[in-house]
């Protein structure tokens, strides 16, 4: 976030989590205190499966000079031992945003894993990557039209960042206004480009 600010970018603290159902969800937080509390939750509920760097690659974090400052000992792509509902409730308690990730994907999405999205699940938005696949999904699951939807690159490599994006129409570029756009309040919206 500090590096982003130096370069004129707003970076929201967050993570893509894998639920016990093997579904991916994006979680965003307003401040470092909430992010740190959720990191503690992740540490408590991520199974202690050792990483195999030969098979899955190194799991390091770096500083602003791209120097390695630490390595995660456990396999980070493991599913948490908590359900999507339990994770959503924790995110709500911390004041975060809870988003269904890449819903049109044939694997690791809420719909691929559960067959549908439970209407009682407190989602702030749903995210998709591939427009053609998403259109087919909406034709089969018309209830998706009721959600705030946005397109994202689901970048796994730096060169993928920004290849697919949405535009935020809001009074300011901050967490509060992003939340208002997801709720479609006061003329704030998010529009797929």
N, C-alpha and C. Protein backbone atom coordinates (compact mmCIF):
# COMPACT_ATOMS: atom_id res chain seq x y z
N UNK A 1 0.82 -1.20 0.00
CA UNK A 1 0.00 0.00 0.00
C UNK A 1 0.86 1.25 0.00
N UNK A 2 1.95 1.24 0.76
CA UNK A 2 2.85 2.39 0.79
C UNK A 2 3.49 2.61 -0.57
N UNK A 3 3.95 1.54 -1.18
CA UNK A 3 4.58 1.62 -2.50
C UNK A 3 3.57 2.12 -3.54
N UNK A 4 2.34 1.63 -3.46
CA UNK A 4 1.29 2.10 -4.36
C UNK A 4 1.05 3.58 -4.22
N UNK A 5 0.97 4.03 -2.97
CA UNK A 5 0.75 5.46 -2.71
C UNK A 5 1.86 6.30 -3.31
N UNK A 6 3.10 5.83 -3.20
CA UNK A 6 4.24 6.56 -3.78
C UNK A 6 4.11 6.70 -5.29
N UNK A 7 3.42 5.75 -5.90
CA UNK A 7 3.28 5.75 -7.37
C UNK A 7 1.90 6.21 -7.84
N UNK A 8 1.10 6.76 -6.91
CA UNK A 8 -0.20 7.30 -7.29
C UNK A 8 -1.30 6.25 -7.43
N UNK A 9 -1.13 5.09 -6.82
CA UNK A 9 -2.12 4.02 -6.88
C UNK A 9 -2.74 3.79 -5.52
N UNK A 10 -4.04 3.48 -5.51
CA UNK A 10 -4.70 3.07 -4.27
C UNK A 10 -4.71 1.55 -4.25
N UNK A 11 -4.15 0.97 -3.20
CA UNK A 11 -4.09 -0.48 -3.05
C UNK A 11 -4.92 -0.86 -1.84
N UNK A 12 -5.92 -1.71 -2.05
CA UNK A 12 -6.76 -2.18 -0.96
C UNK A 12 -6.15 -3.45 -0.36
N UNK A 13 -6.12 -3.51 0.96
CA UNK A 13 -5.62 -4.71 1.64
C UNK A 13 -6.63 -5.83 1.47
N UNK A 14 -6.17 -6.99 1.05
CA UNK A 14 -7.10 -8.10 0.88
C UNK A 14 -6.40 -9.38 0.51
N UNK A 15 -7.23 -10.39 0.27
CA UNK A 15 -6.73 -11.72 -0.03
C UNK A 15 -7.80 -12.50 -0.78
N UNK A 16 -7.38 -13.42 -1.61
CA UNK A 16 -8.30 -14.40 -2.20
C UNK A 16 -8.18 -15.66 -1.36
N UNK A 17 -9.29 -16.07 -0.76
CA UNK A 17 -9.28 -17.24 0.10
C UNK A 17 -9.97 -18.41 -0.58
N UNK A 18 -9.56 -19.62 -0.19
CA UNK A 18 -10.24 -20.83 -0.64
C UNK A 18 -11.03 -21.36 0.55
N UNK A 19 -12.33 -21.47 0.38
CA UNK A 19 -13.20 -21.94 1.45
C UNK A 19 -13.11 -23.46 1.58
N UNK A 20 -13.69 -23.98 2.65
CA UNK A 20 -13.71 -25.43 2.85
C UNK A 20 -14.35 -26.15 1.65
N UNK A 21 -15.29 -25.48 0.97
CA UNK A 21 -15.95 -26.05 -0.20
C UNK A 21 -15.07 -25.98 -1.46
N UNK A 22 -13.85 -25.47 -1.32
CA UNK A 22 -12.90 -25.30 -2.44
C UNK A 22 -13.37 -24.21 -3.40
N UNK A 23 -14.07 -23.20 -2.88
CA UNK A 23 -14.50 -22.06 -3.68
C UNK A 23 -13.62 -20.86 -3.32
N UNK A 24 -13.31 -20.05 -4.33
CA UNK A 24 -12.48 -18.87 -4.12
C UNK A 24 -13.35 -17.64 -3.88
N UNK A 25 -12.96 -16.83 -2.90
CA UNK A 25 -13.64 -15.58 -2.60
C UNK A 25 -12.58 -14.52 -2.34
N UNK A 26 -12.89 -13.28 -2.74
CA UNK A 26 -12.00 -12.15 -2.51
C UNK A 26 -12.49 -11.40 -1.28
N UNK A 27 -11.55 -11.00 -0.43
CA UNK A 27 -11.86 -10.28 0.80
C UNK A 27 -11.03 -9.00 0.79
N UNK A 28 -11.67 -7.86 1.06
CA UNK A 28 -10.98 -6.57 1.11
C UNK A 28 -11.27 -5.89 2.44
N UNK A 29 -10.28 -5.14 2.95
CA UNK A 29 -10.43 -4.49 4.24
C UNK A 29 -10.09 -3.01 4.16
N UNK A 30 -10.70 -2.25 5.07
CA UNK A 30 -10.54 -0.79 5.08
C UNK A 30 -9.23 -0.35 5.70
N UNK A 31 -8.73 -1.11 6.66
CA UNK A 31 -7.55 -0.64 7.38
C UNK A 31 -6.66 -1.80 7.79
N UNK A 32 -5.48 -1.44 8.24
CA UNK A 32 -4.49 -2.45 8.59
C UNK A 32 -4.88 -3.26 9.82
N UNK A 33 -5.63 -2.67 10.72
CA UNK A 33 -6.07 -3.40 11.91
C UNK A 33 -6.99 -4.56 11.52
N UNK A 34 -7.95 -4.31 10.63
CA UNK A 34 -8.85 -5.38 10.17
C UNK A 34 -8.08 -6.41 9.37
N UNK A 35 -7.14 -5.94 8.53
CA UNK A 35 -6.34 -6.87 7.74
C UNK A 35 -5.52 -7.78 8.65
N UNK A 36 -4.92 -7.22 9.68
CA UNK A 36 -4.12 -8.01 10.60
C UNK A 36 -4.98 -9.02 11.37
N UNK A 37 -6.18 -8.62 11.74
CA UNK A 37 -7.09 -9.54 12.44
C UNK A 37 -7.48 -10.69 11.53
N UNK A 38 -7.70 -10.40 10.24
CA UNK A 38 -8.05 -11.47 9.31
C UNK A 38 -6.84 -12.36 9.02
N UNK A 39 -5.65 -11.79 9.01
CA UNK A 39 -4.44 -12.61 8.83
C UNK A 39 -4.32 -13.61 9.97
N UNK A 40 -4.63 -13.18 11.18
CA UNK A 40 -4.61 -14.08 12.33
C UNK A 40 -5.62 -15.21 12.13
N UNK A 41 -6.81 -14.87 11.63
CA UNK A 41 -7.84 -15.86 11.32
C UNK A 41 -7.34 -16.87 10.28
N UNK A 42 -6.68 -16.36 9.24
CA UNK A 42 -6.12 -17.25 8.22
C UNK A 42 -5.07 -18.18 8.82
N UNK A 43 -4.20 -17.64 9.65
CA UNK A 43 -3.15 -18.45 10.28
C UNK A 43 -3.75 -19.56 11.15
N UNK A 44 -4.88 -19.27 11.79
CA UNK A 44 -5.53 -20.26 12.65
C UNK A 44 -6.25 -21.35 11.86
N UNK A 45 -6.71 -21.03 10.65
CA UNK A 45 -7.58 -21.95 9.92
C UNK A 45 -6.99 -22.52 8.63
N UNK A 46 -5.75 -22.17 8.32
CA UNK A 46 -5.07 -22.77 7.18
C UNK A 46 -4.41 -24.06 7.65
N UNK A 47 -4.72 -25.19 7.04
CA UNK A 47 -4.10 -26.45 7.48
C UNK A 47 -2.57 -26.38 7.38
N UNK A 48 -1.86 -26.94 8.34
CA UNK A 48 -0.39 -26.85 8.35
C UNK A 48 0.27 -27.86 7.41
N UNK A 49 -0.11 -27.81 6.14
CA UNK A 49 0.48 -28.68 5.12
C UNK A 49 1.76 -28.01 4.63
N UNK A 50 2.90 -28.65 4.79
CA UNK A 50 4.15 -28.02 4.34
C UNK A 50 4.14 -27.75 2.83
N UNK A 51 4.72 -26.64 2.45
CA UNK A 51 4.86 -26.33 1.02
C UNK A 51 5.96 -27.20 0.42
N UNK A 52 5.76 -27.61 -0.82
CA UNK A 52 6.78 -28.32 -1.59
C UNK A 52 7.23 -27.38 -2.70
N UNK A 53 8.32 -26.61 -2.50
CA UNK A 53 8.74 -25.62 -3.49
C UNK A 53 9.03 -26.21 -4.86
N UNK A 54 9.50 -27.45 -4.91
CA UNK A 54 9.76 -28.09 -6.21
C UNK A 54 8.47 -28.25 -7.01
N UNK A 55 7.39 -28.52 -6.34
CA UNK A 55 6.10 -28.76 -7.01
C UNK A 55 5.25 -27.50 -7.15
N UNK A 56 5.23 -26.67 -6.08
CA UNK A 56 4.32 -25.52 -6.07
C UNK A 56 5.02 -24.17 -6.14
N UNK A 57 6.34 -24.16 -6.09
CA UNK A 57 7.07 -22.90 -6.16
C UNK A 57 7.33 -22.31 -4.79
N UNK A 58 8.20 -21.31 -4.76
CA UNK A 58 8.51 -20.63 -3.51
C UNK A 58 7.35 -19.74 -3.11
N UNK A 59 7.15 -19.58 -1.81
CA UNK A 59 6.09 -18.73 -1.26
C UNK A 59 6.76 -17.67 -0.40
N UNK A 60 7.29 -16.67 -1.06
CA UNK A 60 8.04 -15.63 -0.38
C UNK A 60 7.28 -14.32 -0.42
N UNK A 61 7.64 -13.42 0.49
CA UNK A 61 7.18 -12.05 0.37
C UNK A 61 8.40 -11.16 0.33
N UNK A 62 8.23 -10.02 -0.33
CA UNK A 62 9.36 -9.14 -0.60
C UNK A 62 9.05 -7.73 -0.10
N UNK A 63 10.12 -6.94 0.05
CA UNK A 63 9.95 -5.54 0.43
C UNK A 63 9.86 -4.67 -0.83
N UNK A 64 9.86 -3.35 -0.64
CA UNK A 64 9.71 -2.44 -1.78
C UNK A 64 10.90 -2.48 -2.73
N UNK A 65 12.03 -3.04 -2.30
CA UNK A 65 13.21 -3.17 -3.16
C UNK A 65 13.30 -4.55 -3.79
N UNK A 66 12.21 -5.32 -3.67
CA UNK A 66 12.10 -6.67 -4.24
C UNK A 66 13.09 -7.64 -3.59
N UNK A 67 13.42 -7.38 -2.32
CA UNK A 67 14.29 -8.27 -1.56
C UNK A 67 13.41 -9.22 -0.74
N UNK A 68 13.75 -10.49 -0.74
CA UNK A 68 12.98 -11.48 0.02
C UNK A 68 13.17 -11.21 1.51
N UNK A 69 12.05 -11.08 2.23
CA UNK A 69 12.12 -10.82 3.67
C UNK A 69 11.47 -11.95 4.49
N UNK A 70 10.84 -12.90 3.81
CA UNK A 70 10.24 -14.01 4.54
C UNK A 70 9.68 -15.05 3.59
N UNK A 71 9.40 -16.22 4.16
CA UNK A 71 8.84 -17.32 3.36
C UNK A 71 7.77 -18.01 4.18
N UNK A 72 6.62 -18.25 3.56
CA UNK A 72 5.52 -18.96 4.22
C UNK A 72 5.83 -20.45 4.24
N UNK A 73 5.81 -21.08 5.40
CA UNK A 73 6.17 -22.50 5.48
C UNK A 73 5.06 -23.44 5.03
N UNK A 74 3.80 -22.96 5.11
CA UNK A 74 2.67 -23.83 4.77
C UNK A 74 2.15 -23.53 3.37
N UNK A 75 1.57 -24.53 2.76
CA UNK A 75 1.03 -24.40 1.41
C UNK A 75 -0.14 -23.43 1.41
N UNK A 76 0.03 -22.28 0.79
CA UNK A 76 -0.98 -21.22 0.84
C UNK A 76 -2.18 -21.48 -0.05
N UNK A 77 -2.09 -22.40 -0.97
CA UNK A 77 -3.24 -22.65 -1.83
C UNK A 77 -4.22 -23.66 -1.23
N UNK A 78 -3.95 -24.13 -0.03
CA UNK A 78 -4.86 -25.04 0.66
C UNK A 78 -6.15 -24.31 1.03
N UNK A 79 -7.23 -25.09 1.12
CA UNK A 79 -8.51 -24.55 1.58
C UNK A 79 -8.46 -24.36 3.09
N UNK A 80 -9.11 -23.29 3.54
CA UNK A 80 -9.27 -23.11 4.98
C UNK A 80 -10.18 -24.19 5.53
N UNK A 81 -10.15 -24.41 6.82
CA UNK A 81 -11.05 -25.39 7.42
C UNK A 81 -12.37 -24.74 7.85
N UNK A 82 -12.77 -23.67 7.15
CA UNK A 82 -14.00 -22.94 7.43
C UNK A 82 -14.84 -22.85 6.17
N UNK A 83 -16.16 -22.86 6.36
CA UNK A 83 -17.10 -22.78 5.24
C UNK A 83 -17.19 -21.36 4.71
N UNK A 84 -17.79 -21.22 3.55
CA UNK A 84 -17.97 -19.90 2.95
C UNK A 84 -18.80 -19.01 3.87
N UNK A 85 -19.82 -19.57 4.52
CA UNK A 85 -20.64 -18.80 5.43
C UNK A 85 -19.88 -18.33 6.66
N UNK A 86 -19.04 -19.19 7.20
CA UNK A 86 -18.23 -18.82 8.36
C UNK A 86 -17.22 -17.72 8.01
N UNK A 87 -16.60 -17.84 6.85
CA UNK A 87 -15.62 -16.83 6.43
C UNK A 87 -16.32 -15.50 6.19
N UNK A 88 -17.47 -15.54 5.51
CA UNK A 88 -18.23 -14.31 5.24
C UNK A 88 -18.62 -13.62 6.54
N UNK A 89 -19.04 -14.38 7.54
CA UNK A 89 -19.42 -13.81 8.83
C UNK A 89 -18.24 -13.13 9.51
N UNK A 90 -17.06 -13.73 9.43
CA UNK A 90 -15.87 -13.13 10.03
C UNK A 90 -15.50 -11.84 9.31
N UNK A 91 -15.58 -11.86 7.99
CA UNK A 91 -15.28 -10.65 7.20
C UNK A 91 -16.25 -9.54 7.58
N UNK A 92 -17.53 -9.86 7.74
CA UNK A 92 -18.54 -8.88 8.14
C UNK A 92 -18.20 -8.27 9.51
N UNK A 93 -17.80 -9.13 10.45
CA UNK A 93 -17.45 -8.65 11.80
C UNK A 93 -16.30 -7.66 11.74
N UNK A 94 -15.40 -7.86 10.79
CA UNK A 94 -14.23 -6.99 10.66
C UNK A 94 -14.47 -5.79 9.75
N UNK A 95 -15.70 -5.65 9.23
CA UNK A 95 -16.05 -4.52 8.38
C UNK A 95 -15.52 -4.62 6.97
N UNK A 96 -15.20 -5.83 6.53
CA UNK A 96 -14.64 -6.02 5.19
C UNK A 96 -15.69 -6.25 4.12
N UNK A 97 -15.21 -6.35 2.90
CA UNK A 97 -16.06 -6.65 1.74
C UNK A 97 -15.80 -8.10 1.34
N UNK A 98 -16.88 -8.82 0.99
CA UNK A 98 -16.80 -10.24 0.66
C UNK A 98 -17.35 -10.44 -0.75
N UNK A 99 -16.52 -10.99 -1.63
CA UNK A 99 -16.81 -11.06 -3.07
C UNK A 99 -16.62 -12.48 -3.57
N UNK A 100 -17.58 -12.98 -4.33
CA UNK A 100 -17.44 -14.28 -4.98
C UNK A 100 -16.50 -14.12 -6.17
N UNK A 101 -15.39 -14.84 -6.16
CA UNK A 101 -14.36 -14.69 -7.20
C UNK A 101 -14.69 -15.52 -8.43
N UNK A 102 -14.31 -14.99 -9.57
CA UNK A 102 -14.42 -15.64 -10.89
C UNK A 102 -15.56 -16.68 -10.95
N UNK A 103 -16.80 -16.17 -10.79
CA UNK A 103 -17.97 -17.06 -10.68
C UNK A 103 -18.23 -17.90 -11.92
N UNK A 104 -17.72 -17.47 -13.07
CA UNK A 104 -17.99 -18.21 -14.31
C UNK A 104 -17.01 -19.35 -14.55
N UNK A 105 -16.01 -19.49 -13.73
CA UNK A 105 -15.01 -20.54 -13.94
C UNK A 105 -15.60 -21.92 -13.66
N UNK A 106 -15.15 -22.91 -14.42
CA UNK A 106 -15.66 -24.28 -14.21
C UNK A 106 -15.07 -24.98 -12.99
N UNK A 107 -14.18 -24.31 -12.29
CA UNK A 107 -13.64 -24.87 -11.05
C UNK A 107 -13.29 -23.73 -10.10
N UNK A 108 -13.32 -24.03 -8.81
CA UNK A 108 -12.95 -23.10 -7.74
C UNK A 108 -13.81 -21.84 -7.67
N UNK A 109 -15.05 -21.91 -8.16
CA UNK A 109 -15.99 -20.81 -7.98
C UNK A 109 -17.15 -21.32 -7.12
N UNK A 110 -17.89 -20.40 -6.52
CA UNK A 110 -19.04 -20.83 -5.71
C UNK A 110 -20.01 -21.68 -6.51
N UNK A 111 -20.27 -21.29 -7.75
CA UNK A 111 -21.25 -22.02 -8.56
C UNK A 111 -20.70 -23.37 -9.01
N UNK A 112 -19.43 -23.43 -9.39
CA UNK A 112 -18.88 -24.73 -9.81
C UNK A 112 -18.83 -25.71 -8.65
N UNK A 113 -18.62 -25.20 -7.45
CA UNK A 113 -18.48 -26.08 -6.29
C UNK A 113 -19.81 -26.42 -5.63
N UNK A 114 -20.74 -25.47 -5.60
CA UNK A 114 -22.00 -25.68 -4.89
C UNK A 114 -23.22 -25.79 -5.81
N UNK A 115 -23.06 -25.39 -7.06
CA UNK A 115 -24.17 -25.44 -8.01
C UNK A 115 -24.98 -24.16 -8.07
N UNK A 116 -24.83 -23.28 -7.09
CA UNK A 116 -25.57 -22.02 -7.02
C UNK A 116 -24.92 -21.14 -5.96
N UNK A 117 -25.41 -19.90 -5.87
CA UNK A 117 -24.99 -19.02 -4.79
C UNK A 117 -26.17 -18.88 -3.84
N UNK A 118 -25.96 -19.24 -2.60
CA UNK A 118 -27.00 -19.15 -1.57
C UNK A 118 -27.40 -17.69 -1.39
N UNK A 119 -28.69 -17.36 -1.56
CA UNK A 119 -29.09 -15.96 -1.43
C UNK A 119 -28.90 -15.37 -0.04
N UNK A 120 -28.75 -16.21 0.97
CA UNK A 120 -28.51 -15.69 2.33
C UNK A 120 -27.04 -15.35 2.58
N UNK A 121 -26.16 -15.70 1.66
CA UNK A 121 -24.74 -15.41 1.80
C UNK A 121 -24.53 -13.90 1.63
N UNK A 122 -23.90 -13.23 2.58
CA UNK A 122 -23.76 -11.78 2.50
C UNK A 122 -22.65 -11.33 1.55
N UNK A 123 -22.91 -11.45 0.26
CA UNK A 123 -21.94 -11.04 -0.75
C UNK A 123 -22.09 -9.54 -1.04
N UNK A 124 -20.97 -8.86 -1.18
CA UNK A 124 -20.99 -7.47 -1.58
C UNK A 124 -20.96 -7.34 -3.10
N UNK A 125 -20.41 -8.33 -3.78
CA UNK A 125 -20.33 -8.30 -5.24
C UNK A 125 -19.93 -9.69 -5.74
N UNK A 126 -20.06 -9.86 -7.05
CA UNK A 126 -19.51 -11.05 -7.69
C UNK A 126 -18.58 -10.59 -8.80
N UNK A 127 -17.53 -11.35 -8.99
CA UNK A 127 -16.48 -11.02 -9.94
C UNK A 127 -16.46 -12.07 -11.04
N UNK A 128 -16.20 -11.62 -12.26
CA UNK A 128 -15.98 -12.57 -13.35
C UNK A 128 -14.76 -12.15 -14.14
N UNK A 129 -14.25 -13.08 -14.94
CA UNK A 129 -13.06 -12.83 -15.73
C UNK A 129 -13.38 -12.87 -17.22
N UNK A 130 -14.05 -13.93 -17.67
CA UNK A 130 -14.34 -14.15 -19.09
C UNK A 130 -15.79 -13.75 -19.39
N UNK A 131 -15.96 -12.72 -20.22
CA UNK A 131 -17.29 -12.18 -20.50
C UNK A 131 -18.22 -13.18 -21.18
N UNK A 132 -17.71 -13.93 -22.15
CA UNK A 132 -18.56 -14.89 -22.86
C UNK A 132 -19.06 -15.99 -21.92
N UNK A 133 -18.16 -16.51 -21.10
CA UNK A 133 -18.58 -17.54 -20.13
C UNK A 133 -19.55 -16.97 -19.12
N UNK A 134 -19.36 -15.72 -18.72
CA UNK A 134 -20.26 -15.11 -17.75
C UNK A 134 -21.66 -14.94 -18.34
N UNK A 135 -21.75 -14.51 -19.59
CA UNK A 135 -23.06 -14.36 -20.23
C UNK A 135 -23.82 -15.69 -20.27
N UNK A 136 -23.12 -16.78 -20.56
CA UNK A 136 -23.75 -18.10 -20.54
C UNK A 136 -24.21 -18.47 -19.14
N UNK A 137 -23.41 -18.13 -18.15
CA UNK A 137 -23.75 -18.43 -16.76
C UNK A 137 -25.00 -17.67 -16.34
N UNK A 138 -25.09 -16.40 -16.67
CA UNK A 138 -26.25 -15.58 -16.30
C UNK A 138 -27.51 -16.10 -16.98
N UNK A 139 -27.38 -16.61 -18.20
CA UNK A 139 -28.54 -17.18 -18.89
C UNK A 139 -29.08 -18.39 -18.12
N UNK A 140 -28.20 -19.15 -17.51
CA UNK A 140 -28.62 -20.34 -16.74
C UNK A 140 -28.97 -20.00 -15.29
N UNK A 141 -28.41 -18.92 -14.76
CA UNK A 141 -28.62 -18.52 -13.36
C UNK A 141 -29.06 -17.05 -13.35
N UNK A 142 -30.30 -16.78 -13.72
CA UNK A 142 -30.77 -15.40 -13.89
C UNK A 142 -30.72 -14.59 -12.60
N UNK A 143 -30.73 -15.25 -11.44
CA UNK A 143 -30.67 -14.52 -10.16
C UNK A 143 -29.37 -13.73 -10.01
N UNK A 144 -28.35 -14.06 -10.80
CA UNK A 144 -27.08 -13.33 -10.72
C UNK A 144 -27.24 -11.86 -11.09
N UNK A 145 -28.28 -11.54 -11.85
CA UNK A 145 -28.52 -10.15 -12.26
C UNK A 145 -28.79 -9.23 -11.07
N UNK A 146 -29.14 -9.80 -9.93
CA UNK A 146 -29.46 -9.00 -8.75
C UNK A 146 -28.21 -8.54 -7.99
N UNK A 147 -27.06 -9.11 -8.33
CA UNK A 147 -25.82 -8.77 -7.63
C UNK A 147 -25.08 -7.64 -8.35
N UNK A 148 -24.26 -6.93 -7.61
CA UNK A 148 -23.30 -6.02 -8.22
C UNK A 148 -22.21 -6.90 -8.82
N UNK A 149 -21.91 -6.66 -10.07
CA UNK A 149 -20.97 -7.51 -10.80
C UNK A 149 -19.85 -6.65 -11.37
N UNK A 150 -18.65 -7.17 -11.34
CA UNK A 150 -17.55 -6.47 -11.99
C UNK A 150 -16.59 -7.48 -12.61
N UNK A 151 -15.83 -7.02 -13.59
CA UNK A 151 -14.85 -7.85 -14.28
C UNK A 151 -13.46 -7.52 -13.77
N UNK A 152 -12.66 -8.56 -13.56
CA UNK A 152 -11.29 -8.38 -13.08
C UNK A 152 -10.37 -9.36 -13.78
N UNK A 153 -9.09 -9.07 -13.75
CA UNK A 153 -8.12 -9.90 -14.47
C UNK A 153 -7.79 -11.19 -13.74
N UNK A 154 -8.09 -11.28 -12.44
CA UNK A 154 -7.71 -12.46 -11.64
C UNK A 154 -6.23 -12.76 -11.88
N UNK A 155 -5.42 -11.71 -11.80
CA UNK A 155 -3.99 -11.81 -12.15
C UNK A 155 -3.24 -12.73 -11.19
N UNK A 156 -2.50 -13.65 -11.78
CA UNK A 156 -1.61 -14.53 -11.02
C UNK A 156 -0.15 -14.18 -11.29
N UNK A 157 0.07 -13.30 -12.27
CA UNK A 157 1.41 -12.84 -12.62
C UNK A 157 1.34 -11.33 -12.85
N UNK A 158 2.40 -10.59 -12.58
CA UNK A 158 2.36 -9.13 -12.72
C UNK A 158 1.90 -8.65 -14.09
N UNK A 159 2.29 -9.34 -15.14
CA UNK A 159 1.92 -8.88 -16.49
C UNK A 159 0.42 -9.03 -16.78
N UNK A 160 -0.31 -9.76 -15.93
CA UNK A 160 -1.75 -9.92 -16.12
C UNK A 160 -2.56 -8.81 -15.44
N UNK A 161 -1.92 -8.05 -14.57
CA UNK A 161 -2.63 -7.00 -13.84
C UNK A 161 -3.18 -5.98 -14.83
N UNK A 162 -4.45 -5.71 -14.72
CA UNK A 162 -5.10 -4.70 -15.55
C UNK A 162 -5.49 -5.15 -16.94
N UNK A 163 -5.31 -6.42 -17.28
CA UNK A 163 -5.69 -6.88 -18.61
C UNK A 163 -7.21 -6.90 -18.78
N UNK A 164 -7.93 -7.08 -17.69
CA UNK A 164 -9.39 -6.99 -17.66
C UNK A 164 -9.74 -6.19 -16.43
N UNK A 165 -10.64 -5.24 -16.57
CA UNK A 165 -10.89 -4.33 -15.47
C UNK A 165 -12.30 -3.77 -15.52
N UNK A 166 -12.66 -3.06 -14.46
CA UNK A 166 -13.92 -2.35 -14.37
C UNK A 166 -13.62 -0.93 -13.93
N UNK A 167 -14.60 -0.05 -14.13
CA UNK A 167 -14.43 1.36 -13.78
C UNK A 167 -15.31 1.69 -12.58
N UNK A 168 -14.74 2.38 -11.63
CA UNK A 168 -15.44 2.78 -10.43
C UNK A 168 -15.93 4.21 -10.58
N UNK A 169 -17.24 4.41 -10.42
CA UNK A 169 -17.80 5.76 -10.44
C UNK A 169 -18.13 6.10 -8.99
N UNK A 170 -17.30 6.97 -8.39
CA UNK A 170 -17.45 7.27 -6.97
C UNK A 170 -16.90 8.65 -6.67
N UNK A 171 -17.28 9.17 -5.51
CA UNK A 171 -16.83 10.50 -5.10
C UNK A 171 -15.36 10.55 -4.75
N UNK A 172 -14.80 9.42 -4.37
CA UNK A 172 -13.37 9.35 -4.02
C UNK A 172 -12.91 7.91 -4.22
N UNK A 173 -11.62 7.75 -4.36
CA UNK A 173 -11.05 6.42 -4.53
C UNK A 173 -10.53 5.95 -3.18
N UNK A 174 -11.46 5.39 -2.39
CA UNK A 174 -11.11 4.84 -1.09
C UNK A 174 -12.06 3.69 -0.77
N UNK A 175 -11.81 3.02 0.33
CA UNK A 175 -12.58 1.84 0.70
C UNK A 175 -14.05 2.16 0.91
N UNK A 176 -14.34 3.25 1.60
CA UNK A 176 -15.74 3.62 1.87
C UNK A 176 -16.52 3.81 0.57
N UNK A 177 -15.93 4.49 -0.41
CA UNK A 177 -16.63 4.74 -1.66
C UNK A 177 -16.72 3.48 -2.52
N UNK A 178 -15.73 2.60 -2.42
CA UNK A 178 -15.82 1.31 -3.10
C UNK A 178 -17.00 0.52 -2.53
N UNK A 179 -17.14 0.49 -1.22
CA UNK A 179 -18.27 -0.19 -0.59
C UNK A 179 -19.59 0.41 -1.04
N UNK A 180 -19.65 1.73 -1.15
CA UNK A 180 -20.87 2.39 -1.62
C UNK A 180 -21.17 2.01 -3.06
N UNK A 181 -20.15 1.86 -3.88
CA UNK A 181 -20.36 1.45 -5.27
C UNK A 181 -20.90 0.03 -5.33
N UNK A 182 -20.36 -0.86 -4.50
CA UNK A 182 -20.89 -2.23 -4.46
C UNK A 182 -22.35 -2.25 -4.03
N UNK A 183 -22.73 -1.32 -3.14
CA UNK A 183 -24.12 -1.25 -2.66
C UNK A 183 -24.99 -0.37 -3.55
N UNK A 184 -24.38 0.27 -4.56
CA UNK A 184 -25.07 1.16 -5.49
C UNK A 184 -25.76 2.31 -4.76
N UNK A 185 -25.03 2.93 -3.86
CA UNK A 185 -25.55 4.03 -3.05
C UNK A 185 -25.09 5.37 -3.57
N UNK A 186 -25.98 6.37 -3.48
CA UNK A 186 -25.65 7.77 -3.79
C UNK A 186 -25.04 7.93 -5.17
N UNK A 187 -25.48 7.16 -6.14
CA UNK A 187 -24.98 7.28 -7.51
C UNK A 187 -23.62 6.62 -7.74
N UNK A 188 -23.07 5.97 -6.73
CA UNK A 188 -21.79 5.27 -6.88
C UNK A 188 -22.05 3.92 -7.55
N UNK A 189 -21.23 3.57 -8.50
CA UNK A 189 -21.38 2.30 -9.22
C UNK A 189 -20.02 1.76 -9.64
N UNK A 190 -20.03 0.52 -10.04
CA UNK A 190 -18.86 -0.08 -10.67
C UNK A 190 -19.34 -0.63 -12.01
N UNK A 191 -18.63 -0.26 -13.08
CA UNK A 191 -19.07 -0.58 -14.43
C UNK A 191 -18.00 -1.42 -15.12
N UNK A 192 -18.42 -2.51 -15.73
CA UNK A 192 -17.48 -3.37 -16.45
C UNK A 192 -17.06 -2.71 -17.75
N UNK A 193 -15.76 -2.63 -17.97
CA UNK A 193 -15.21 -1.99 -19.17
C UNK A 193 -15.22 -2.97 -20.34
